[in-house]
Structure formats: C-alpha cells, structure tokens
Amino acid sequence: MGTKRNKYDTNPLDERVADRAGQSFDSSRPGAPTEDVAGRPTHNIRGRNDKATVQGYSESEAPTRRIDDNLTSSYPSVFIKPPPRQAATYQAPRVPVANIYQPPPGSPPSVYQPPPLPVAQRRPHSVAGLGISEKWANLFPYIPGHIGAIAAVIELLLVPRTEARARFHAAQGLALQIAILIITGAFQFLTLLTGSSIGSGLFRTASTVFLVVSMIRVFQGKPHHIAPLDDATRWLDEKIKPRK
C-alpha cells in the first residue's frame, strides 16, 4: 500500500511532483492587471505624487541616533550588591549667627607657676633659740678674738639640737678659737725664751686671715669643714647641751 501524499510534498525523487504542482495552481484567479510603464523604468503608484520618495514612508529608515541620551540611570546590576544605607543621624538645629559666641562661665584657673626663687632671694631661715638668720648664726663663732669664742658658747647653750648646721659651726668655731689660743700661748712662751716675736706675729696674722675667710664662706652658705678639729667639734657639741 502506497503512502499518502499531499500537494506540498515536493520530493524531487517523486516523478509526479510537477503534475501535482500544476494541479495545485488555481488558474481561475487571475492577478492584478499590469500598469503601463510610460517610457520609464518605474511607474507611479496610484495615490502618490511624483515628489514622494521612499524616505516619506513611515516604514522608511531614519538616521541613526543614540538611545542613551535621555537615560538618567542604568538598570541596577544583579551581580553588584548595593551600598549599605547609612543610618540617619540626628543633627541639632543650627544656632543663629548672633548667638554663637558664649562667654566662659568664669575665669579659667591659672596654670602658670612662677619659677622657684634663687637661693639668694629665698627667705632666710631663722635659727630657733636665737631668732636670727642662719647665716649670721654661723658667722659669729668665727669672729677673731674672744668675741667669737663667747658667741660660740652662747649658741651651743641656746640653739636646740634640731638646728644641726648652726650647732656644728658653733662647736667648730669654738674648737678653732681654743686651738688658736693654745698655739698663741705657745708662741708667746717661745718669745719669752728667745726674745723674738716674729713667729708669734706671723701666726697671729695667719690665724686672723683664716678666721676672716671662714666667716666669708659660712656667710655665703658654702661648706666649711676643718678635718683636724672633728674630734674636738664632736666633743664640744655633746658636752655643751642646750638649755631647755
């Protein structure tokens, strides 16, 4: 049994393809009559004037234009995460310009500290028991002659032991005065034996100069220590106790 064929079967191997094609053509419907060319390769289309061109049709091609001119923003990409939204922060209302300056509630505390006064400008220390400056109390025991010895004894009797510096110079000055008196007496004895007072005079001058130098040093606050008189100074300070 042969396969059923239709009119659209155009198998080139089929021998009857041409016959079926002729039968499918309907010769009873003629086409539109052909218009005269009128001596030109083309003819006017009915309803059109001669000035009409192909650009006048709505289906004609227009000049190329950019389509992104009027685009304000592109579509968001699904592959890029949008930036995180910032939390709304409170902003205080702006103060009028006339009220911006606010005077301080009070004067700021003074942060400036004056430098310490030099040693020469500091208030002198008053020695307890005497009521005089320490530099004068240290000077009196070195006055040449018996005046220095008497001043040293008075200071040792009145100055308490808390005033260690004043008592030290009083005891050392008294020991120096006693040593000078002993050496002066020895030179006077030699003068009686020899009849020459040159040695006695030289020692008297040297001792006076040494006492004056001692007075200047202790008055200026410089250290003044006579090492050979350490034992005598300590003994006098311990034996002469301050009166209560």
Protein backbone atom coordinates (compact mmCIF):
# COMPACT_ATOMS: atom_id res chain seq x y z
CA MET A 1 0.00 0.00 0.00
CA GLY A 2 1.42 3.31 -1.06
CA THR A 3 1.95 6.27 1.35
CA LYS A 4 -0.49 9.14 1.21
CA ARG A 5 0.89 12.29 -0.33
CA ASN A 6 -0.35 15.88 -0.30
CA LYS A 7 0.13 18.86 -2.56
CA TYR A 8 3.02 20.26 -0.54
CA ASP A 9 5.13 17.22 -0.94
CA THR A 10 7.97 18.35 -3.20
CA ASN A 11 10.24 15.41 -3.01
CA PRO A 12 12.47 15.74 -6.12
CA LEU A 13 12.64 11.95 -6.39
CA ASP A 14 8.91 11.82 -6.89
CA GLU A 15 8.06 11.61 -10.58
CA ARG A 16 4.66 13.19 -10.19
CA VAL A 17 5.80 16.32 -8.29
CA ALA A 18 5.41 18.53 -11.36
CA ASP A 19 1.89 17.26 -12.06
CA ARG A 20 0.74 17.94 -8.55
CA ALA A 21 2.29 21.40 -8.64
CA GLY A 22 0.33 22.24 -11.79
CA GLN A 23 -2.89 20.93 -10.34
CA SER A 24 -2.44 22.99 -7.14
CA PHE A 25 -2.17 26.18 -9.16
CA ASP A 26 -5.59 27.81 -9.47
CA SER A 27 -5.85 29.38 -12.94
CA SER A 28 -9.33 30.71 -12.30
CA ARG A 29 -7.97 33.67 -10.17
CA PRO A 30 -6.01 35.98 -12.41
CA GLY A 31 -3.63 38.53 -10.83
CA ALA A 32 -3.91 42.31 -10.90
CA PRO A 33 -3.53 43.88 -14.33
CA THR A 34 -0.12 45.22 -15.10
CA GLU A 35 0.09 49.02 -15.50
CA ASP A 36 1.92 50.72 -18.32
CA VAL A 37 5.43 51.84 -17.56
CA ALA A 38 5.03 55.03 -19.62
CA GLY A 39 8.53 55.03 -21.00
CA ARG A 40 10.27 54.89 -17.57
CA PRO A 41 11.83 52.03 -15.66
CA THR A 42 9.30 52.60 -12.84
CA HIS A 43 5.72 53.81 -12.76
CA ASN A 44 3.78 55.98 -10.39
CA ILE A 45 1.93 54.30 -7.61
CA ARG A 46 -1.73 55.06 -7.52
CA GLY A 47 -2.45 57.77 -4.91
CA ARG A 48 1.17 59.05 -4.81
CA ASN A 49 2.63 62.18 -6.38
CA ASP A 50 5.93 62.42 -8.20
CA LYS A 51 7.71 64.14 -5.27
CA ALA A 52 7.10 61.33 -2.88
CA THR A 53 10.25 59.45 -2.06
CA VAL A 54 10.98 56.34 -0.17
CA GLN A 55 12.01 58.42 2.87
CA GLY A 56 8.42 59.62 3.16
CA TYR A 57 7.04 56.27 4.15
CA SER A 58 6.60 55.53 7.80
CA GLU A 59 8.42 52.25 7.27
CA SER A 60 11.50 54.01 5.88
CA GLU A 61 14.82 54.02 7.73
CA ALA A 62 15.57 57.10 9.88
CA PRO A 63 19.08 58.45 10.61
CA THR A 64 20.89 56.59 13.38
CA ARG A 65 20.55 58.22 16.78
CA ARG A 66 21.86 57.43 20.28
CA ILE A 67 19.30 55.86 22.52
CA ASP A 68 21.19 56.58 25.74
CA ASP A 69 20.95 60.37 25.60
CA ASN A 70 17.81 60.52 27.66
CA LEU A 71 18.71 57.75 30.07
CA THR A 72 19.31 59.17 33.53
CA SER A 73 20.50 55.96 35.14
CA SER A 74 21.11 52.41 34.14
CA TYR A 75 19.32 49.39 35.49
CA PRO A 76 20.88 48.06 38.70
CA SER A 77 23.03 45.02 38.23
CA VAL A 78 22.01 41.83 39.96
CA PHE A 79 25.66 40.87 40.41
CA ILE A 80 26.73 44.02 42.34
CA LYS A 81 25.49 44.49 45.88
CA PRO A 82 24.04 47.93 46.54
CA PRO A 83 25.95 50.07 49.10
CA PRO A 84 24.62 49.82 52.66
CA ARG A 85 22.30 52.54 53.69
CA GLN A 86 23.68 54.88 56.32
CA ALA A 87 21.63 55.30 59.43
CA ALA A 88 20.06 58.67 59.74
CA THR A 89 21.97 60.76 62.29
CA TYR A 90 20.38 63.47 64.33
CA GLN A 91 21.66 66.94 63.60
CA ALA A 92 20.97 69.67 66.05
CA PRO A 93 19.35 72.79 64.68
CA ARG A 94 21.76 75.47 63.67
CA VAL A 95 22.23 78.29 66.13
CA PRO A 96 21.72 81.77 64.77
CA VAL A 97 24.92 83.61 63.97
CA ALA A 98 24.23 86.27 66.58
CA ASN A 99 24.13 83.67 69.42
CA ILE A 100 27.14 81.54 68.50
CA TYR A 101 29.56 83.18 70.97
CA GLN A 102 29.01 82.20 74.55
CA PRO A 103 31.18 83.85 77.22
CA PRO A 104 33.00 81.47 79.57
CA PRO A 105 31.23 80.79 82.87
CA GLY A 106 34.20 82.02 84.82
CA SER A 107 37.84 82.93 84.58
CA PRO A 108 39.99 79.86 83.80
CA PRO A 109 42.28 78.69 86.58
CA SER A 110 45.80 79.99 86.39
CA VAL A 111 48.13 77.28 85.15
CA TYR A 112 51.26 79.41 85.27
CA GLN A 113 53.56 78.61 88.13
CA PRO A 114 56.35 81.09 88.80
CA PRO A 115 59.83 79.58 88.88
CA PRO A 116 61.39 78.96 92.27
CA LEU A 117 63.36 81.83 93.68
CA PRO A 118 67.14 81.61 93.61
CA VAL A 119 68.99 80.75 96.77
CA ALA A 120 69.95 84.38 97.29
CA GLN A 121 66.29 85.54 97.11
CA ARG A 122 64.75 82.87 99.32
CA ARG A 123 63.52 83.82 102.75
CA PRO A 124 66.38 83.24 105.20
CA HIS A 125 65.97 80.50 107.76
CA SER A 126 65.61 81.74 111.33
CA VAL A 127 67.53 79.67 113.89
CA ALA A 128 65.42 78.50 116.82
CA GLY A 129 66.60 79.78 120.19
CA LEU A 130 68.34 82.81 118.67
CA GLY A 131 65.73 84.33 116.38
CA ILE A 132 68.34 85.43 113.83
CA SER A 133 69.18 84.28 110.31
CA GLU A 134 71.18 81.09 109.97
CA LYS A 135 73.99 82.74 108.02
CA TRP A 136 74.59 85.22 110.87
CA ALA A 137 74.43 82.46 113.45
CA ASN A 138 77.08 80.52 111.51
CA LEU A 139 79.30 83.61 111.14
CA PHE A 140 79.55 84.74 114.79
CA PRO A 141 81.68 81.81 116.12
CA TYR A 142 84.49 82.67 113.62
CA ILE A 143 84.91 86.31 114.65
CA PRO A 144 88.57 86.82 115.60
CA GLY A 145 89.39 87.32 119.28
CA HIS A 146 87.38 86.41 122.34
CA ILE A 147 84.12 87.64 120.74
CA GLY A 148 83.89 84.55 118.55
CA ALA A 149 84.55 82.15 121.43
CA ILE A 150 81.87 83.79 123.61
CA ALA A 151 79.32 83.75 120.71
CA ALA A 152 80.03 80.05 120.10
CA VAL A 153 79.36 79.13 123.75
CA ILE A 154 76.09 81.13 123.79
CA GLU A 155 74.86 79.43 120.64
CA LEU A 156 75.63 75.95 121.98
CA LEU A 157 73.63 76.76 125.12
CA LEU A 158 70.59 78.28 123.31
CA VAL A 159 70.32 76.51 119.97
CA PRO A 160 68.46 73.15 120.11
CA ARG A 161 69.89 70.02 118.54
CA THR A 162 67.35 70.20 115.72
CA GLU A 163 69.44 73.06 114.32
CA ALA A 164 72.33 70.74 113.43
CA ARG A 165 74.03 73.14 110.99
CA ALA A 166 74.12 76.06 113.44
CA ARG A 167 75.38 73.87 116.31
CA PHE A 168 78.07 72.34 114.07
CA HIS A 169 79.55 75.74 113.16
CA ALA A 170 79.26 76.90 116.77
CA ALA A 171 81.18 73.85 118.03
CA GLN A 172 83.73 74.01 115.20
CA GLY A 173 84.25 77.76 115.70
CA LEU A 174 84.74 77.27 119.43
CA ALA A 175 87.25 74.45 118.82
CA LEU A 176 89.12 76.66 116.32
CA GLN A 177 89.20 79.58 118.75
CA ILE A 178 90.55 77.34 121.55
CA ALA A 179 93.21 75.89 119.20
CA ILE A 180 94.30 79.41 118.18
CA LEU A 181 94.53 80.47 121.86
CA ILE A 182 96.66 77.42 122.73
CA ILE A 183 99.05 77.92 119.78
CA THR A 184 99.29 81.67 120.50
CA GLY A 185 100.22 80.95 124.12
CA ALA A 186 102.95 78.55 122.92
CA PHE A 187 104.43 81.21 120.65
CA GLN A 188 104.37 83.75 123.49
CA PHE A 189 106.30 81.31 125.67
CA LEU A 190 108.87 80.93 122.89
CA THR A 191 109.09 84.70 122.66
CA LEU A 192 110.00 84.90 126.37
CA LEU A 193 112.70 82.29 125.87
CA THR A 194 114.16 83.63 122.63
CA GLY A 195 113.21 87.30 122.86
CA SER A 196 111.95 87.20 119.22
CA SER A 197 108.26 87.76 118.43
CA ILE A 198 108.45 87.06 114.68
CA GLY A 199 106.86 83.62 114.94
CA SER A 200 104.11 84.85 117.21
CA GLY A 201 103.32 87.76 114.89
CA LEU A 202 103.17 85.57 111.78
CA PHE A 203 100.85 83.07 113.45
CA ARG A 204 98.56 85.84 114.73
CA THR A 205 98.25 87.24 111.21
CA ALA A 206 97.67 83.83 109.62
CA SER A 207 95.02 82.89 112.18
CA THR A 208 93.18 86.17 111.69
CA VAL A 209 93.15 85.70 107.90
CA PHE A 210 91.88 82.14 108.30
CA LEU A 211 89.06 83.28 110.60
CA VAL A 212 88.02 86.01 108.14
CA VAL A 213 87.97 83.52 105.26
CA SER A 214 85.86 81.17 107.41
CA MET A 215 83.41 83.97 108.14
CA ILE A 216 83.01 84.75 104.42
CA ARG A 217 82.47 81.11 103.41
CA VAL A 218 79.82 80.33 106.02
CA PHE A 219 78.05 83.64 105.37
CA GLN A 220 77.77 82.72 101.65
CA GLY A 221 76.37 79.31 102.55
CA LYS A 222 79.38 77.36 101.28
CA PRO A 223 80.51 74.20 103.10
CA HIS A 224 83.32 74.80 105.57
CA HIS A 225 84.79 71.76 107.26
CA ILE A 226 88.06 71.65 109.24
CA ALA A 227 89.02 67.96 109.39
CA PRO A 228 91.71 68.16 112.16
CA LEU A 229 89.07 69.59 114.52
CA ASP A 230 86.45 66.84 114.00
CA ASP A 231 87.03 65.14 117.38
CA ALA A 232 87.06 68.43 119.29
CA THR A 233 83.96 69.67 117.48
CA ARG A 234 82.03 66.47 118.25
CA TRP A 235 83.09 66.52 121.90
CA LEU A 236 82.05 70.16 122.43
CA ASP A 237 78.68 69.56 120.73
CA GLU A 238 77.97 66.62 123.02
CA LYS A 239 79.22 68.15 126.27
CA ILE A 240 77.58 71.59 125.91
CA LYS A 241 73.91 70.73 125.97
CA PRO A 242 71.22 73.26 125.06
CA ARG A 243 69.26 74.70 127.93
CA LYS A 244 65.58 73.81 127.99
